[in-house]
Amino acid sequence: METTNQESEFVLLINQNQGIIHKVCRMYCQDVEERPDLFQEIVLQLWRAYPRFQQKSKISTWMYQITLNTAIT
């Protein structure tokens, strides 16, 4: 199965900015064992929103907003 260009870009984006996600996970999830689940949910929400990213802000700002909204809910 070939990886599309969009998938490759997304994986690179997550790898480059995963510190943002980890930071929010630590802030909103006190249970260390539940943090990987929150991390996974955040990445899923980022993936779903990625095609609609309009580059009107920095990618890190966009990621932080989605990450924060996901953690709060």
N, C-alpha and C. Protein backbone atom coordinates (compact mmCIF):
# COMPACT_ATOMS: atom_id res chain seq x y z
N MET A 1 0.85 -1.19 0.00
CA MET A 1 0.00 0.00 0.00
C MET A 1 0.89 1.24 0.00
N GLU A 2 0.67 2.11 -0.95
CA GLU A 2 1.46 3.32 -1.06
C GLU A 2 0.92 4.42 -0.16
N THR A 3 1.85 5.19 0.37
CA THR A 3 1.47 6.33 1.18
C THR A 3 1.31 7.54 0.26
N THR A 4 0.21 8.25 0.42
CA THR A 4 0.00 9.42 -0.42
C THR A 4 0.88 10.57 0.08
N ASN A 5 1.02 11.57 -0.75
CA ASN A 5 1.79 12.75 -0.40
C ASN A 5 1.19 13.44 0.83
N GLN A 6 -0.13 13.51 0.89
CA GLN A 6 -0.80 14.15 2.03
C GLN A 6 -0.50 13.39 3.32
N GLU A 7 -0.52 12.07 3.26
CA GLU A 7 -0.20 11.26 4.44
C GLU A 7 1.23 11.48 4.88
N SER A 8 2.14 11.53 3.93
CA SER A 8 3.56 11.75 4.25
C SER A 8 3.77 13.11 4.89
N GLU A 9 3.12 14.13 4.35
CA GLU A 9 3.21 15.48 4.92
C GLU A 9 2.66 15.50 6.34
N PHE A 10 1.54 14.81 6.55
CA PHE A 10 0.91 14.79 7.86
C PHE A 10 1.81 14.10 8.89
N VAL A 11 2.38 12.97 8.53
CA VAL A 11 3.26 12.25 9.45
C VAL A 11 4.46 13.13 9.79
N LEU A 12 5.03 13.79 8.82
CA LEU A 12 6.15 14.70 9.07
C LEU A 12 5.73 15.83 10.00
N LEU A 13 4.57 16.39 9.77
CA LEU A 13 4.03 17.46 10.61
C LEU A 13 3.89 16.99 12.06
N ILE A 14 3.32 15.81 12.27
CA ILE A 14 3.16 15.27 13.62
C ILE A 14 4.53 15.05 14.26
N ASN A 15 5.46 14.48 13.52
CA ASN A 15 6.80 14.23 14.07
C ASN A 15 7.50 15.53 14.47
N GLN A 16 7.34 16.56 13.66
CA GLN A 16 8.00 17.83 13.94
C GLN A 16 7.36 18.60 15.08
N ASN A 17 6.07 18.37 15.33
CA ASN A 17 5.34 19.17 16.31
C ASN A 17 4.72 18.34 17.43
N GLN A 18 5.20 17.13 17.64
CA GLN A 18 4.58 16.28 18.64
C GLN A 18 4.77 16.82 20.06
N GLY A 19 5.73 17.69 20.26
CA GLY A 19 5.92 18.30 21.57
C GLY A 19 4.68 19.08 22.01
N ILE A 20 4.01 19.72 21.06
CA ILE A 20 2.78 20.46 21.35
C ILE A 20 1.74 19.51 21.91
N ILE A 21 1.59 18.37 21.25
CA ILE A 21 0.58 17.40 21.65
C ILE A 21 0.92 16.82 23.02
N HIS A 22 2.17 16.46 23.21
CA HIS A 22 2.59 15.90 24.51
C HIS A 22 2.37 16.89 25.64
N LYS A 23 2.66 18.14 25.40
CA LYS A 23 2.49 19.17 26.43
C LYS A 23 1.03 19.28 26.85
N VAL A 24 0.14 19.33 25.89
CA VAL A 24 -1.29 19.44 26.20
C VAL A 24 -1.76 18.16 26.90
N CYS A 25 -1.29 17.02 26.47
CA CYS A 25 -1.66 15.76 27.12
C CYS A 25 -1.26 15.77 28.59
N ARG A 26 -0.07 16.27 28.88
CA ARG A 26 0.39 16.36 30.28
C ARG A 26 -0.46 17.34 31.08
N MET A 27 -0.88 18.43 30.45
CA MET A 27 -1.67 19.45 31.14
C MET A 27 -3.09 18.96 31.46
N TYR A 28 -3.70 18.22 30.54
CA TYR A 28 -5.11 17.87 30.67
C TYR A 28 -5.37 16.44 31.12
N CYS A 29 -4.35 15.63 31.20
CA CYS A 29 -4.53 14.23 31.57
C CYS A 29 -3.54 13.87 32.67
N GLN A 30 -4.02 13.86 33.89
CA GLN A 30 -3.15 13.57 35.02
C GLN A 30 -2.75 12.10 35.08
N ASP A 31 -3.59 11.21 34.59
CA ASP A 31 -3.30 9.79 34.60
C ASP A 31 -2.34 9.45 33.46
N VAL A 32 -1.14 9.08 33.81
CA VAL A 32 -0.09 8.80 32.82
C VAL A 32 -0.51 7.69 31.86
N GLU A 33 -1.26 6.74 32.34
CA GLU A 33 -1.68 5.61 31.50
C GLU A 33 -2.72 6.02 30.46
N GLU A 34 -3.43 7.12 30.69
CA GLU A 34 -4.44 7.57 29.74
C GLU A 34 -3.89 8.54 28.69
N ARG A 35 -2.70 9.03 28.90
CA ARG A 35 -2.13 10.00 27.95
C ARG A 35 -1.97 9.46 26.53
N PRO A 36 -1.52 8.20 26.37
CA PRO A 36 -1.43 7.70 24.98
C PRO A 36 -2.77 7.69 24.26
N ASP A 37 -3.85 7.41 24.99
CA ASP A 37 -5.18 7.43 24.37
C ASP A 37 -5.55 8.85 23.93
N LEU A 38 -5.26 9.82 24.78
CA LEU A 38 -5.53 11.22 24.42
C LEU A 38 -4.67 11.63 23.23
N PHE A 39 -3.41 11.26 23.24
CA PHE A 39 -2.51 11.56 22.13
C PHE A 39 -3.08 11.01 20.83
N GLN A 40 -3.53 9.76 20.87
CA GLN A 40 -4.09 9.12 19.68
C GLN A 40 -5.35 9.84 19.21
N GLU A 41 -6.21 10.23 20.13
CA GLU A 41 -7.43 10.94 19.76
C GLU A 41 -7.11 12.30 19.13
N ILE A 42 -6.11 12.97 19.66
CA ILE A 42 -5.70 14.26 19.11
C ILE A 42 -5.18 14.10 17.69
N VAL A 43 -4.33 13.09 17.47
CA VAL A 43 -3.79 12.86 16.13
C VAL A 43 -4.93 12.53 15.16
N LEU A 44 -5.89 11.76 15.61
CA LEU A 44 -7.04 11.45 14.76
C LEU A 44 -7.80 12.72 14.38
N GLN A 45 -8.05 13.59 15.34
CA GLN A 45 -8.76 14.84 15.06
C GLN A 45 -7.94 15.75 14.14
N LEU A 46 -6.64 15.77 14.33
CA LEU A 46 -5.77 16.55 13.43
C LEU A 46 -5.84 16.00 12.01
N TRP A 47 -5.82 14.68 11.88
CA TRP A 47 -5.89 14.06 10.56
C TRP A 47 -7.21 14.41 9.87
N ARG A 48 -8.30 14.35 10.63
CA ARG A 48 -9.61 14.68 10.05
C ARG A 48 -9.69 16.14 9.61
N ALA A 49 -9.03 17.02 10.34
CA ALA A 49 -9.09 18.45 10.03
C ALA A 49 -8.04 18.88 9.01
N TYR A 50 -7.02 18.07 8.81
CA TYR A 50 -5.88 18.45 7.97
C TYR A 50 -6.27 18.89 6.56
N PRO A 51 -7.18 18.22 5.88
CA PRO A 51 -7.54 18.66 4.52
C PRO A 51 -8.16 20.06 4.48
N ARG A 52 -8.69 20.52 5.61
CA ARG A 52 -9.34 21.84 5.65
C ARG A 52 -8.41 22.94 6.14
N PHE A 53 -7.15 22.60 6.46
CA PHE A 53 -6.20 23.63 6.90
C PHE A 53 -5.97 24.60 5.75
N GLN A 54 -6.24 25.89 6.00
CA GLN A 54 -6.19 26.89 4.94
C GLN A 54 -4.93 27.74 4.97
N GLN A 55 -4.01 27.45 5.83
CA GLN A 55 -2.73 28.16 5.93
C GLN A 55 -2.91 29.65 6.20
N LYS A 56 -3.97 30.00 6.95
CA LYS A 56 -4.17 31.38 7.36
C LYS A 56 -3.42 31.69 8.65
N SER A 57 -2.90 30.64 9.28
CA SER A 57 -2.09 30.79 10.48
C SER A 57 -0.92 29.80 10.39
N LYS A 58 -0.02 29.91 11.33
CA LYS A 58 1.09 28.95 11.36
C LYS A 58 0.51 27.57 11.65
N ILE A 59 1.14 26.56 11.10
CA ILE A 59 0.67 25.20 11.30
C ILE A 59 0.70 24.83 12.78
N SER A 60 1.69 25.32 13.51
CA SER A 60 1.77 25.01 14.94
C SER A 60 0.61 25.64 15.72
N THR A 61 0.18 26.81 15.32
CA THR A 61 -0.96 27.47 15.96
C THR A 61 -2.23 26.69 15.68
N TRP A 62 -2.41 26.27 14.46
CA TRP A 62 -3.56 25.47 14.06
C TRP A 62 -3.58 24.15 14.84
N MET A 63 -2.44 23.50 14.91
CA MET A 63 -2.34 22.23 15.65
C MET A 63 -2.66 22.43 17.13
N TYR A 64 -2.13 23.49 17.72
CA TYR A 64 -2.36 23.74 19.13
C TYR A 64 -3.84 23.94 19.41
N GLN A 65 -4.53 24.65 18.56
CA GLN A 65 -5.95 24.91 18.76
C GLN A 65 -6.76 23.61 18.71
N ILE A 66 -6.49 22.79 17.74
CA ILE A 66 -7.21 21.51 17.63
C ILE A 66 -6.84 20.60 18.80
N THR A 67 -5.57 20.57 19.15
CA THR A 67 -5.10 19.75 20.26
C THR A 67 -5.79 20.17 21.55
N LEU A 68 -5.84 21.46 21.80
CA LEU A 68 -6.46 21.98 23.01
C LEU A 68 -7.97 21.68 23.03
N ASN A 69 -8.64 21.92 21.94
CA ASN A 69 -10.08 21.65 21.86
C ASN A 69 -10.38 20.17 22.09
N THR A 70 -9.57 19.30 21.53
CA THR A 70 -9.76 17.87 21.72
C THR A 70 -9.53 17.47 23.17
N ALA A 71 -8.50 17.99 23.77
CA ALA A 71 -8.21 17.66 25.18
C ALA A 71 -9.31 18.15 26.11
N ILE A 72 -9.86 19.30 25.83
CA ILE A 72 -10.92 19.86 26.68
C ILE A 72 -12.18 19.01 26.60
N THR A 73 -12.48 18.52 25.41
CA THR A 73 -13.69 17.70 25.27
C THR A 73 -13.41 16.29 25.70
